[in-house]
N, C-alpha and C. Protein backbone atom coordinates (compact mmCIF):
# COMPACT_ATOMS: atom_id res chain seq x y z
N MET A 1 0.82 -1.21 0.00
CA MET A 1 0.00 0.00 0.00
C MET A 1 0.86 1.26 0.00
N GLN A 2 1.91 1.24 0.83
CA GLN A 2 2.80 2.40 0.89
C GLN A 2 3.48 2.64 -0.45
N TYR A 3 3.82 1.54 -1.13
CA TYR A 3 4.45 1.65 -2.45
C TYR A 3 3.55 2.40 -3.41
N LEU A 4 2.27 2.07 -3.41
CA LEU A 4 1.32 2.72 -4.31
C LEU A 4 1.16 4.20 -3.95
N VAL A 5 1.17 4.50 -2.66
CA VAL A 5 1.06 5.89 -2.21
C VAL A 5 2.26 6.70 -2.69
N PHE A 6 3.44 6.12 -2.58
CA PHE A 6 4.66 6.82 -3.01
C PHE A 6 4.65 7.04 -4.53
N VAL A 7 4.23 6.03 -5.27
CA VAL A 7 4.15 6.17 -6.73
C VAL A 7 3.17 7.28 -7.10
N ALA A 8 2.03 7.29 -6.44
CA ALA A 8 1.03 8.33 -6.70
C ALA A 8 1.59 9.71 -6.37
N ALA A 9 2.37 9.79 -5.30
CA ALA A 9 2.97 11.06 -4.90
C ALA A 9 3.98 11.53 -5.96
N PHE A 10 4.77 10.61 -6.48
CA PHE A 10 5.75 10.96 -7.51
C PHE A 10 5.05 11.47 -8.78
N VAL A 11 3.96 10.80 -9.14
CA VAL A 11 3.18 11.26 -10.30
C VAL A 11 2.66 12.66 -10.04
N ALA A 12 2.17 12.90 -8.82
CA ALA A 12 1.66 14.22 -8.46
C ALA A 12 2.76 15.28 -8.53
N CYS A 13 3.97 14.92 -8.09
CA CYS A 13 5.10 15.86 -8.15
C CYS A 13 5.38 16.27 -9.59
N TYR A 14 5.36 15.29 -10.49
CA TYR A 14 5.59 15.60 -11.90
C TYR A 14 4.46 16.44 -12.48
N ILE A 15 3.22 16.03 -12.23
CA ILE A 15 2.06 16.72 -12.80
C ILE A 15 1.99 18.16 -12.30
N PHE A 16 2.19 18.36 -11.01
CA PHE A 16 2.15 19.72 -10.47
C PHE A 16 3.29 20.55 -11.03
N GLY A 17 4.47 19.93 -11.14
CA GLY A 17 5.61 20.63 -11.73
C GLY A 17 5.36 20.99 -13.18
N ALA A 18 4.55 20.19 -13.86
CA ALA A 18 4.29 20.40 -15.29
C ALA A 18 3.26 21.48 -15.56
N ILE A 19 2.55 21.94 -14.52
CA ILE A 19 1.54 22.98 -14.74
C ILE A 19 2.23 24.24 -15.25
N PRO A 20 1.92 24.71 -16.44
CA PRO A 20 2.61 25.87 -17.03
C PRO A 20 2.00 27.18 -16.54
N PHE A 21 2.39 27.58 -15.34
CA PHE A 21 1.80 28.77 -14.75
C PHE A 21 2.06 30.02 -15.58
N GLY A 22 3.21 30.07 -16.28
CA GLY A 22 3.48 31.21 -17.14
C GLY A 22 2.44 31.36 -18.23
N VAL A 23 2.07 30.23 -18.84
CA VAL A 23 1.04 30.24 -19.88
C VAL A 23 -0.31 30.62 -19.28
N ILE A 24 -0.62 30.03 -18.13
CA ILE A 24 -1.92 30.29 -17.49
C ILE A 24 -2.05 31.76 -17.09
N VAL A 25 -1.02 32.30 -16.45
CA VAL A 25 -1.06 33.70 -16.01
C VAL A 25 -1.17 34.64 -17.20
N GLY A 26 -0.44 34.33 -18.29
CA GLY A 26 -0.52 35.16 -19.49
C GLY A 26 -1.92 35.21 -20.07
N LYS A 27 -2.56 34.05 -20.09
CA LYS A 27 -3.91 34.00 -20.66
C LYS A 27 -4.94 34.64 -19.74
N VAL A 28 -4.77 34.46 -18.43
CA VAL A 28 -5.73 35.02 -17.47
C VAL A 28 -5.61 36.53 -17.38
N THR A 29 -4.38 37.04 -17.34
CA THR A 29 -4.19 38.48 -17.12
C THR A 29 -4.26 39.32 -18.38
N ARG A 30 -3.78 38.76 -19.50
CA ARG A 30 -3.74 39.56 -20.73
C ARG A 30 -4.38 38.87 -21.92
N GLY A 31 -4.82 37.65 -21.75
CA GLY A 31 -5.43 36.92 -22.85
C GLY A 31 -4.46 36.54 -23.94
N VAL A 32 -3.17 36.34 -23.57
CA VAL A 32 -2.15 36.00 -24.56
C VAL A 32 -1.44 34.72 -24.16
N ASP A 33 -0.83 34.06 -25.14
CA ASP A 33 0.02 32.91 -24.89
C ASP A 33 1.45 33.42 -24.83
N ILE A 34 2.06 33.38 -23.64
CA ILE A 34 3.38 33.97 -23.43
C ILE A 34 4.42 33.35 -24.35
N ARG A 35 4.16 32.15 -24.84
CA ARG A 35 5.11 31.49 -25.74
C ARG A 35 5.23 32.18 -27.09
N SER A 36 4.29 33.07 -27.39
CA SER A 36 4.30 33.78 -28.66
C SER A 36 5.00 35.14 -28.57
N PHE A 37 5.50 35.47 -27.38
CA PHE A 37 6.09 36.80 -27.18
C PHE A 37 7.46 36.71 -26.51
N GLY A 38 8.23 37.77 -26.69
CA GLY A 38 9.55 37.82 -26.08
C GLY A 38 10.42 36.67 -26.54
N SER A 39 10.97 35.95 -25.57
CA SER A 39 11.83 34.80 -25.90
C SER A 39 11.01 33.55 -26.18
N GLY A 40 9.73 33.60 -25.86
CA GLY A 40 8.89 32.42 -26.04
C GLY A 40 8.92 31.47 -24.87
N ASN A 41 9.72 31.80 -23.84
CA ASN A 41 9.84 30.94 -22.67
C ASN A 41 8.68 31.18 -21.71
N ILE A 42 8.32 30.16 -20.92
CA ILE A 42 7.19 30.28 -20.01
C ILE A 42 7.61 30.76 -18.62
N GLY A 43 8.89 31.04 -18.42
CA GLY A 43 9.38 31.42 -17.11
C GLY A 43 9.03 32.83 -16.69
N PHE A 44 9.28 33.12 -15.42
CA PHE A 44 8.87 34.41 -14.86
C PHE A 44 9.58 35.59 -15.52
N ALA A 45 10.82 35.40 -15.99
CA ALA A 45 11.56 36.52 -16.58
C ALA A 45 10.90 37.00 -17.87
N ASN A 46 10.50 36.07 -18.71
CA ASN A 46 9.83 36.46 -19.94
C ASN A 46 8.46 37.07 -19.65
N VAL A 47 7.78 36.52 -18.65
CA VAL A 47 6.49 37.10 -18.24
C VAL A 47 6.70 38.50 -17.69
N LEU A 48 7.73 38.69 -16.88
CA LEU A 48 8.03 39.99 -16.30
C LEU A 48 8.30 41.03 -17.37
N ARG A 49 9.15 40.68 -18.32
CA ARG A 49 9.54 41.66 -19.34
C ARG A 49 8.45 41.89 -20.36
N THR A 50 7.57 40.91 -20.53
CA THR A 50 6.53 41.03 -21.55
C THR A 50 5.22 41.57 -20.98
N LEU A 51 4.83 41.09 -19.80
CA LEU A 51 3.53 41.45 -19.24
C LEU A 51 3.60 42.36 -18.04
N GLY A 52 4.78 42.50 -17.43
CA GLY A 52 4.91 43.41 -16.31
C GLY A 52 5.18 42.72 -14.99
N PRO A 53 5.44 43.52 -13.93
CA PRO A 53 5.86 42.97 -12.63
C PRO A 53 4.80 42.13 -11.92
N GLY A 54 3.53 42.50 -12.03
CA GLY A 54 2.48 41.72 -11.37
C GLY A 54 2.41 40.30 -11.85
N PRO A 55 2.20 40.07 -13.14
CA PRO A 55 2.21 38.70 -13.67
C PRO A 55 3.54 38.00 -13.46
N GLY A 56 4.64 38.75 -13.58
CA GLY A 56 5.95 38.14 -13.39
C GLY A 56 6.12 37.61 -11.98
N LEU A 57 5.71 38.41 -10.98
CA LEU A 57 5.82 37.98 -9.59
C LEU A 57 4.92 36.77 -9.33
N ALA A 58 3.72 36.79 -9.90
CA ALA A 58 2.79 35.67 -9.72
C ALA A 58 3.40 34.37 -10.24
N VAL A 59 4.00 34.42 -11.41
CA VAL A 59 4.62 33.22 -11.99
C VAL A 59 5.81 32.78 -11.16
N PHE A 60 6.60 33.74 -10.69
CA PHE A 60 7.76 33.39 -9.85
C PHE A 60 7.31 32.64 -8.60
N LEU A 61 6.30 33.15 -7.92
CA LEU A 61 5.82 32.52 -6.68
C LEU A 61 5.20 31.15 -6.95
N LEU A 62 4.43 31.06 -8.02
CA LEU A 62 3.78 29.78 -8.35
C LEU A 62 4.80 28.72 -8.77
N ASP A 63 5.77 29.13 -9.59
CA ASP A 63 6.79 28.16 -10.02
C ASP A 63 7.69 27.75 -8.86
N THR A 64 8.00 28.69 -7.96
CA THR A 64 8.78 28.35 -6.77
C THR A 64 8.00 27.38 -5.90
N GLY A 65 6.71 27.63 -5.79
CA GLY A 65 5.85 26.76 -4.98
C GLY A 65 5.81 25.33 -5.47
N LYS A 66 6.01 25.12 -6.77
CA LYS A 66 5.97 23.76 -7.31
C LYS A 66 7.09 22.90 -6.71
N GLY A 67 8.28 23.45 -6.69
CA GLY A 67 9.41 22.69 -6.14
C GLY A 67 9.28 22.47 -4.65
N LEU A 68 8.85 23.50 -3.93
CA LEU A 68 8.68 23.39 -2.48
C LEU A 68 7.58 22.38 -2.14
N ALA A 69 6.48 22.44 -2.87
CA ALA A 69 5.35 21.54 -2.60
C ALA A 69 5.74 20.08 -2.79
N ALA A 70 6.55 19.81 -3.81
CA ALA A 70 6.98 18.43 -4.07
C ALA A 70 7.77 17.88 -2.89
N VAL A 71 8.71 18.69 -2.40
CA VAL A 71 9.53 18.26 -1.26
C VAL A 71 8.67 18.06 -0.01
N GLU A 72 7.79 19.01 0.25
CA GLU A 72 6.96 18.93 1.45
C GLU A 72 5.99 17.75 1.39
N LEU A 73 5.46 17.46 0.21
CA LEU A 73 4.57 16.31 0.06
C LEU A 73 5.30 15.02 0.39
N CYS A 74 6.50 14.87 -0.15
CA CYS A 74 7.28 13.65 0.10
C CYS A 74 7.64 13.52 1.58
N ARG A 75 7.99 14.62 2.20
CA ARG A 75 8.31 14.58 3.63
C ARG A 75 7.07 14.23 4.46
N TRP A 76 5.95 14.81 4.08
CA TRP A 76 4.71 14.56 4.81
C TRP A 76 4.32 13.09 4.76
N LEU A 77 4.68 12.43 3.66
CA LEU A 77 4.38 11.01 3.51
C LEU A 77 5.42 10.12 4.17
N GLY A 78 6.44 10.74 4.78
CA GLY A 78 7.45 9.97 5.51
C GLY A 78 8.55 9.38 4.65
N MET A 79 8.75 9.93 3.47
CA MET A 79 9.81 9.42 2.60
C MET A 79 11.18 9.80 3.17
N ASN A 80 12.19 8.96 2.89
CA ASN A 80 13.54 9.29 3.32
C ASN A 80 14.13 10.36 2.41
N ASP A 81 15.38 10.77 2.70
CA ASP A 81 16.01 11.86 1.95
C ASP A 81 16.11 11.54 0.46
N TYR A 82 16.45 10.30 0.13
CA TYR A 82 16.63 9.93 -1.27
C TYR A 82 15.31 10.03 -2.04
N LEU A 83 14.25 9.52 -1.46
CA LEU A 83 12.95 9.56 -2.13
C LEU A 83 12.40 10.99 -2.18
N THR A 84 12.67 11.76 -1.15
CA THR A 84 12.24 13.17 -1.16
C THR A 84 12.91 13.93 -2.30
N VAL A 85 14.18 13.65 -2.51
CA VAL A 85 14.90 14.27 -3.62
C VAL A 85 14.31 13.84 -4.96
N VAL A 86 13.92 12.58 -5.07
CA VAL A 86 13.29 12.11 -6.30
C VAL A 86 12.03 12.93 -6.59
N GLY A 87 11.24 13.18 -5.57
CA GLY A 87 10.04 13.99 -5.75
C GLY A 87 10.37 15.39 -6.23
N GLY A 88 11.42 15.99 -5.62
CA GLY A 88 11.83 17.32 -6.05
C GLY A 88 12.30 17.34 -7.49
N VAL A 89 13.08 16.34 -7.86
CA VAL A 89 13.58 16.25 -9.23
C VAL A 89 12.43 16.10 -10.22
N LEU A 90 11.44 15.33 -9.85
CA LEU A 90 10.29 15.14 -10.75
C LEU A 90 9.55 16.45 -10.98
N SER A 91 9.52 17.33 -9.98
CA SER A 91 8.89 18.63 -10.20
C SER A 91 9.70 19.46 -11.20
N LEU A 92 11.02 19.33 -11.15
CA LEU A 92 11.88 20.03 -12.13
C LEU A 92 11.66 19.47 -13.53
N VAL A 93 11.60 18.14 -13.61
CA VAL A 93 11.38 17.49 -14.90
C VAL A 93 10.04 17.92 -15.47
N GLY A 94 9.03 17.98 -14.61
CA GLY A 94 7.72 18.43 -15.06
C GLY A 94 7.75 19.84 -15.60
N HIS A 95 8.47 20.72 -14.91
CA HIS A 95 8.54 22.11 -15.35
C HIS A 95 9.27 22.24 -16.68
N CYS A 96 10.37 21.52 -16.82
CA CYS A 96 11.18 21.62 -18.04
C CYS A 96 10.59 20.85 -19.22
N PHE A 97 9.89 19.76 -18.92
CA PHE A 97 9.34 18.89 -19.96
C PHE A 97 7.87 18.60 -19.62
N SER A 98 7.06 19.63 -19.78
CA SER A 98 5.66 19.55 -19.36
C SER A 98 4.81 18.72 -20.31
N VAL A 99 4.07 17.79 -19.76
CA VAL A 99 3.15 16.98 -20.56
C VAL A 99 2.05 17.85 -21.15
N PHE A 100 1.80 19.00 -20.54
CA PHE A 100 0.77 19.91 -21.03
C PHE A 100 1.25 20.79 -22.18
N LEU A 101 2.57 20.80 -22.41
CA LEU A 101 3.14 21.63 -23.47
C LEU A 101 3.95 20.79 -24.46
N LYS A 102 3.51 19.58 -24.69
CA LYS A 102 4.19 18.66 -25.61
C LYS A 102 5.65 18.47 -25.21
N PHE A 103 5.85 18.37 -23.88
CA PHE A 103 7.15 18.11 -23.28
C PHE A 103 8.16 19.24 -23.54
N GLN A 104 7.65 20.45 -23.68
CA GLN A 104 8.48 21.65 -23.67
C GLN A 104 8.27 22.31 -22.30
N GLY A 105 9.08 23.32 -21.98
CA GLY A 105 8.90 23.96 -20.68
C GLY A 105 9.88 25.07 -20.42
N GLY A 106 10.08 25.37 -19.14
CA GLY A 106 10.92 26.49 -18.75
C GLY A 106 12.33 26.09 -18.38
N ARG A 107 13.03 27.00 -17.72
CA ARG A 107 14.43 26.80 -17.38
C ARG A 107 14.64 26.34 -15.94
N ALA A 108 13.58 26.23 -15.17
CA ALA A 108 13.60 25.59 -13.83
C ALA A 108 14.32 26.39 -12.75
N VAL A 109 14.57 27.67 -12.97
CA VAL A 109 15.25 28.46 -11.93
C VAL A 109 14.38 28.59 -10.69
N ALA A 110 13.16 29.09 -10.87
CA ALA A 110 12.28 29.29 -9.72
C ALA A 110 11.88 27.96 -9.08
N THR A 111 11.61 26.94 -9.89
CA THR A 111 11.23 25.65 -9.34
C THR A 111 12.39 25.01 -8.58
N SER A 112 13.60 25.19 -9.08
CA SER A 112 14.78 24.70 -8.36
C SER A 112 14.94 25.43 -7.03
N LEU A 113 14.69 26.74 -7.05
CA LEU A 113 14.76 27.51 -5.81
C LEU A 113 13.78 26.94 -4.78
N GLY A 114 12.55 26.68 -5.22
CA GLY A 114 11.56 26.13 -4.31
C GLY A 114 11.97 24.79 -3.75
N MET A 115 12.53 23.93 -4.60
CA MET A 115 13.01 22.64 -4.14
C MET A 115 14.10 22.80 -3.09
N MET A 116 15.05 23.70 -3.33
CA MET A 116 16.15 23.91 -2.40
C MET A 116 15.68 24.58 -1.12
N VAL A 117 14.63 25.40 -1.20
CA VAL A 117 14.05 25.97 0.03
C VAL A 117 13.56 24.85 0.93
N GLY A 118 12.96 23.84 0.32
CA GLY A 118 12.47 22.70 1.09
C GLY A 118 13.59 21.83 1.64
N LEU A 119 14.68 21.71 0.88
CA LEU A 119 15.78 20.82 1.29
C LEU A 119 16.79 21.53 2.19
N THR A 120 17.26 22.68 1.75
CA THR A 120 18.29 23.43 2.50
C THR A 120 17.91 24.91 2.48
N PRO A 121 17.00 25.34 3.36
CA PRO A 121 16.49 26.71 3.32
C PRO A 121 17.54 27.79 3.48
N VAL A 122 18.56 27.55 4.30
CA VAL A 122 19.59 28.58 4.51
C VAL A 122 20.36 28.82 3.22
N ILE A 123 20.79 27.74 2.58
CA ILE A 123 21.52 27.86 1.32
C ILE A 123 20.64 28.50 0.25
N ALA A 124 19.39 28.08 0.19
CA ALA A 124 18.47 28.67 -0.78
C ALA A 124 18.29 30.16 -0.53
N GLY A 125 18.19 30.54 0.74
CA GLY A 125 18.03 31.96 1.07
C GLY A 125 19.23 32.78 0.67
N ILE A 126 20.43 32.27 0.93
CA ILE A 126 21.65 32.97 0.53
C ILE A 126 21.71 33.11 -0.99
N ALA A 127 21.38 32.03 -1.69
CA ALA A 127 21.41 32.06 -3.16
C ALA A 127 20.41 33.07 -3.70
N PHE A 128 19.24 33.15 -3.08
CA PHE A 128 18.23 34.10 -3.54
C PHE A 128 18.69 35.53 -3.34
N VAL A 129 19.28 35.82 -2.19
CA VAL A 129 19.81 37.17 -1.94
C VAL A 129 20.89 37.50 -2.96
N LEU A 130 21.76 36.52 -3.24
CA LEU A 130 22.80 36.72 -4.25
C LEU A 130 22.19 37.00 -5.61
N TRP A 131 21.13 36.25 -5.95
CA TRP A 131 20.44 36.46 -7.23
C TRP A 131 19.90 37.88 -7.33
N VAL A 132 19.27 38.36 -6.27
CA VAL A 132 18.72 39.72 -6.27
C VAL A 132 19.84 40.74 -6.46
N LEU A 133 20.95 40.56 -5.74
CA LEU A 133 22.07 41.49 -5.85
C LEU A 133 22.66 41.48 -7.26
N LEU A 134 22.79 40.30 -7.84
CA LEU A 134 23.36 40.19 -9.18
C LEU A 134 22.45 40.79 -10.24
N VAL A 135 21.14 40.62 -10.06
CA VAL A 135 20.21 41.27 -10.99
C VAL A 135 20.38 42.78 -10.91
N GLY A 136 20.50 43.30 -9.68
CA GLY A 136 20.67 44.73 -9.50
C GLY A 136 21.97 45.25 -10.08
N ILE A 137 23.03 44.45 -9.96
CA ILE A 137 24.35 44.89 -10.43
C ILE A 137 24.50 44.74 -11.94
N THR A 138 24.13 43.57 -12.46
CA THR A 138 24.37 43.29 -13.88
C THR A 138 23.20 43.67 -14.77
N ARG A 139 21.99 43.68 -14.20
CA ARG A 139 20.74 43.92 -14.95
C ARG A 139 20.40 42.76 -15.89
N TYR A 140 21.11 41.65 -15.73
CA TYR A 140 20.81 40.46 -16.53
C TYR A 140 20.25 39.36 -15.63
N ILE A 141 19.01 38.97 -15.84
CA ILE A 141 18.43 37.88 -15.05
C ILE A 141 19.15 36.57 -15.34
N SER A 142 19.52 36.36 -16.58
CA SER A 142 20.19 35.11 -16.94
C SER A 142 21.53 34.96 -16.22
N VAL A 143 22.32 36.03 -16.16
CA VAL A 143 23.60 35.99 -15.45
C VAL A 143 23.38 35.70 -13.97
N ALA A 144 22.41 36.39 -13.38
CA ALA A 144 22.11 36.19 -11.97
C ALA A 144 21.66 34.76 -11.70
N SER A 145 20.85 34.22 -12.60
CA SER A 145 20.33 32.86 -12.41
C SER A 145 21.44 31.82 -12.49
N ILE A 146 22.32 31.97 -13.46
CA ILE A 146 23.42 31.02 -13.62
C ILE A 146 24.37 31.08 -12.43
N LEU A 147 24.76 32.29 -12.04
CA LEU A 147 25.72 32.42 -10.94
C LEU A 147 25.10 32.00 -9.60
N ALA A 148 23.84 32.32 -9.40
CA ALA A 148 23.17 31.89 -8.16
C ALA A 148 23.08 30.37 -8.09
N ALA A 149 22.79 29.74 -9.23
CA ALA A 149 22.74 28.27 -9.28
C ALA A 149 24.10 27.67 -8.97
N LEU A 150 25.15 28.26 -9.54
CA LEU A 150 26.50 27.77 -9.26
C LEU A 150 26.85 27.95 -7.79
N SER A 151 26.35 29.03 -7.19
CA SER A 151 26.64 29.27 -5.77
C SER A 151 26.02 28.21 -4.88
N VAL A 152 24.85 27.70 -5.29
CA VAL A 152 24.20 26.65 -4.51
C VAL A 152 25.08 25.40 -4.46
N SER A 153 25.58 24.99 -5.62
CA SER A 153 26.47 23.82 -5.66
C SER A 153 27.73 24.06 -4.84
N ALA A 154 28.27 25.28 -4.95
CA ALA A 154 29.49 25.60 -4.20
C ALA A 154 29.24 25.54 -2.69
N MET A 155 28.13 26.09 -2.24
CA MET A 155 27.83 26.08 -0.81
C MET A 155 27.55 24.68 -0.30
N VAL A 156 26.82 23.89 -1.10
CA VAL A 156 26.51 22.53 -0.69
C VAL A 156 27.79 21.71 -0.55
N LEU A 157 28.71 21.86 -1.49
CA LEU A 157 29.96 21.12 -1.44
C LEU A 157 30.87 21.64 -0.32
N LEU A 158 30.82 22.95 -0.06
CA LEU A 158 31.63 23.53 1.01
C LEU A 158 31.17 23.04 2.37
N TRP A 159 29.86 22.90 2.52
CA TRP A 159 29.30 22.48 3.81
C TRP A 159 28.82 21.03 3.78
N LYS A 160 29.42 20.22 2.90
CA LYS A 160 28.90 18.87 2.67
C LYS A 160 28.87 17.97 3.92
N PRO A 161 29.76 18.19 4.93
CA PRO A 161 29.61 17.34 6.13
C PRO A 161 28.26 17.52 6.82
N HIS A 162 27.61 18.67 6.56
CA HIS A 162 26.34 18.96 7.22
C HIS A 162 25.14 18.80 6.29
N ILE A 163 25.40 18.41 5.05
CA ILE A 163 24.34 18.29 4.06
C ILE A 163 24.21 16.84 3.64
N PRO A 164 23.00 16.25 3.71
CA PRO A 164 22.83 14.86 3.27
C PRO A 164 23.30 14.66 1.83
N VAL A 165 23.87 13.50 1.57
CA VAL A 165 24.42 13.19 0.24
C VAL A 165 23.40 13.41 -0.88
N PRO A 166 22.15 12.93 -0.75
CA PRO A 166 21.20 13.15 -1.85
C PRO A 166 20.94 14.62 -2.12
N TYR A 167 21.02 15.48 -1.08
CA TYR A 167 20.84 16.91 -1.29
C TYR A 167 22.01 17.48 -2.08
N GLN A 168 23.21 16.99 -1.80
CA GLN A 168 24.39 17.43 -2.54
C GLN A 168 24.26 17.08 -4.02
N VAL A 169 23.83 15.85 -4.26
CA VAL A 169 23.70 15.37 -5.64
C VAL A 169 22.67 16.18 -6.41
N VAL A 170 21.51 16.40 -5.80
CA VAL A 170 20.45 17.11 -6.52
C VAL A 170 20.81 18.57 -6.73
N ALA A 171 21.58 19.16 -5.82
CA ALA A 171 22.01 20.55 -5.99
C ALA A 171 22.89 20.69 -7.23
N VAL A 172 23.83 19.75 -7.38
CA VAL A 172 24.72 19.78 -8.55
C VAL A 172 23.92 19.50 -9.82
N MET A 173 22.98 18.56 -9.75
CA MET A 173 22.15 18.25 -10.91
C MET A 173 21.31 19.46 -11.33
N ALA A 174 20.71 20.14 -10.35
CA ALA A 174 19.88 21.31 -10.65
C ALA A 174 20.72 22.42 -11.26
N THR A 175 21.93 22.60 -10.73
CA THR A 175 22.83 23.62 -11.29
C THR A 175 23.16 23.31 -12.74
N ALA A 176 23.50 22.05 -13.01
CA ALA A 176 23.82 21.64 -14.38
C ALA A 176 22.64 21.86 -15.31
N LEU A 177 21.44 21.53 -14.84
CA LEU A 177 20.24 21.70 -15.65
C LEU A 177 20.00 23.17 -15.97
N ILE A 178 20.16 24.03 -14.97
CA ILE A 178 19.93 25.47 -15.17
C ILE A 178 20.94 26.04 -16.17
N VAL A 179 22.20 25.68 -16.01
CA VAL A 179 23.22 26.18 -16.94
C VAL A 179 22.94 25.68 -18.35
N LEU A 180 22.58 24.40 -18.47
CA LEU A 180 22.29 23.82 -19.78
C LEU A 180 21.10 24.52 -20.43
N LYS A 181 20.06 24.79 -19.66
CA LYS A 181 18.87 25.44 -20.20
C LYS A 181 19.12 26.90 -20.55
N HIS A 182 20.25 27.45 -20.10
CA HIS A 182 20.57 28.85 -20.40
C HIS A 182 21.62 28.99 -21.50
N THR A 183 21.86 27.93 -22.26
CA THR A 183 22.89 28.02 -23.30
C THR A 183 22.57 29.10 -24.34
N SER A 184 21.29 29.25 -24.68
CA SER A 184 20.92 30.28 -25.65
C SER A 184 21.17 31.67 -25.07
N ASN A 185 20.95 31.83 -23.77
CA ASN A 185 21.21 33.11 -23.12
C ASN A 185 22.71 33.42 -23.11
N ILE A 186 23.50 32.37 -22.86
CA ILE A 186 24.96 32.55 -22.86
C ILE A 186 25.44 33.01 -24.23
N ARG A 187 24.87 32.42 -25.28
CA ARG A 187 25.25 32.84 -26.63
C ARG A 187 24.88 34.30 -26.86
N ARG A 188 23.70 34.71 -26.40
CA ARG A 188 23.30 36.10 -26.59
C ARG A 188 24.16 37.05 -25.77
N LEU A 189 24.58 36.62 -24.59
CA LEU A 189 25.48 37.44 -23.79
C LEU A 189 26.80 37.65 -24.51
N MET A 190 27.31 36.59 -25.11
CA MET A 190 28.57 36.69 -25.85
C MET A 190 28.43 37.57 -27.08
N ASN A 191 27.23 37.57 -27.66
CA ASN A 191 26.99 38.39 -28.86
C ASN A 191 26.55 39.81 -28.52
N GLY A 192 26.31 40.06 -27.24
CA GLY A 192 25.87 41.39 -26.83
C GLY A 192 24.42 41.69 -27.16
N THR A 193 23.61 40.65 -27.31
CA THR A 193 22.21 40.86 -27.70
C THR A 193 21.23 40.48 -26.59
N GLU A 194 21.74 40.12 -25.41
CA GLU A 194 20.86 39.74 -24.31
C GLU A 194 20.17 40.97 -23.74
N SER A 195 18.87 40.87 -23.50
CA SER A 195 18.11 41.99 -22.95
C SER A 195 18.35 42.14 -21.46
N LYS A 196 18.27 43.37 -20.97
CA LYS A 196 18.47 43.65 -19.56
C LYS A 196 17.13 43.88 -18.88
N VAL A 197 17.15 43.80 -17.55
CA VAL A 197 15.94 44.09 -16.78
C VAL A 197 15.52 45.54 -17.05
N GLY A 198 14.26 45.73 -17.27
CA GLY A 198 13.76 47.07 -17.57
C GLY A 198 13.50 47.28 -19.04
N GLN A 199 14.10 46.42 -19.88
CA GLN A 199 13.84 46.49 -21.31
C GLN A 199 12.60 45.67 -21.62
N ARG A 200 11.55 46.32 -22.06
CA ARG A 200 10.33 45.61 -22.43
C ARG A 200 10.48 45.09 -23.85
N VAL A 201 10.12 43.83 -24.05
CA VAL A 201 10.26 43.23 -25.36
C VAL A 201 9.11 43.66 -26.26
N LYS A 202 9.37 43.64 -27.56
CA LYS A 202 8.30 43.89 -28.52
C LYS A 202 7.42 42.66 -28.58
N LEU A 203 6.13 42.87 -28.54
CA LEU A 203 5.21 41.74 -28.47
C LEU A 203 5.28 40.83 -29.68
N GLU A 204 5.77 41.36 -30.79
CA GLU A 204 5.83 40.50 -31.97
C GLU A 204 7.14 39.74 -32.09
N SER A 205 8.11 40.03 -31.19
CA SER A 205 9.43 39.40 -31.30
C SER A 205 9.55 38.22 -30.35
N LYS A 206 10.56 37.39 -30.62
CA LYS A 206 10.84 36.28 -29.73
C LYS A 206 12.33 36.23 -29.49
N GLU A 207 12.82 37.16 -28.66
CA GLU A 207 14.23 37.21 -28.36
C GLU A 207 14.40 37.83 -26.99
N GLY A 208 15.48 37.51 -26.30
CA GLY A 208 15.70 38.11 -25.00
C GLY A 208 16.24 37.10 -24.01
N GLU A 209 15.96 37.33 -22.75
CA GLU A 209 16.52 36.51 -21.69
C GLU A 209 15.43 35.84 -20.90
N ASP A 210 15.83 34.87 -20.12
CA ASP A 210 14.90 34.18 -19.23
C ASP A 210 15.62 33.71 -18.00
N GLY A 211 14.81 33.55 -16.92
CA GLY A 211 15.37 33.03 -15.69
C GLY A 211 14.67 31.79 -15.25
């Protein structure tokens, strides 16, 4: 019976992670499909730059909640650290490869943050503060997202005697996923074509940055 409960929970982690809140918020607030504007990404950065701070904040909180909810659900069911991490990873997989979007999705920055808040809140909090500072300094959400993700892996490895092994592994995996999903942003940064915070995208274009 417990096996079936755990399997159902894992399916729920994926399904909840797969909910495309960026698409939903775009349609509810402005009647548009966010995938048709800006960079075409469903993440909060594209929503922020295309639709404004209100929708952007809503997507950020909802996407963060997906990762946190997955971890908390697994803990509530009494899963060990390894299985709890599996639930968190499934929420990331759902976000990046959503069954509702033909297995397309976002870059998992906010969802990864939510997962890490559930697993290692202090490290997640430090990384979030660093992300905010980097956005303010560089004006690039993509740069802040990549460096904040790298900082999580660095902190986890630095404090590894105090961090469970599965948390260390998933932190490195999440960092790798975020960097990989930002390869197009890295190319635009190198070409000098990456958009900065405060630059509103043209609704008919599909270019820019995402977090």
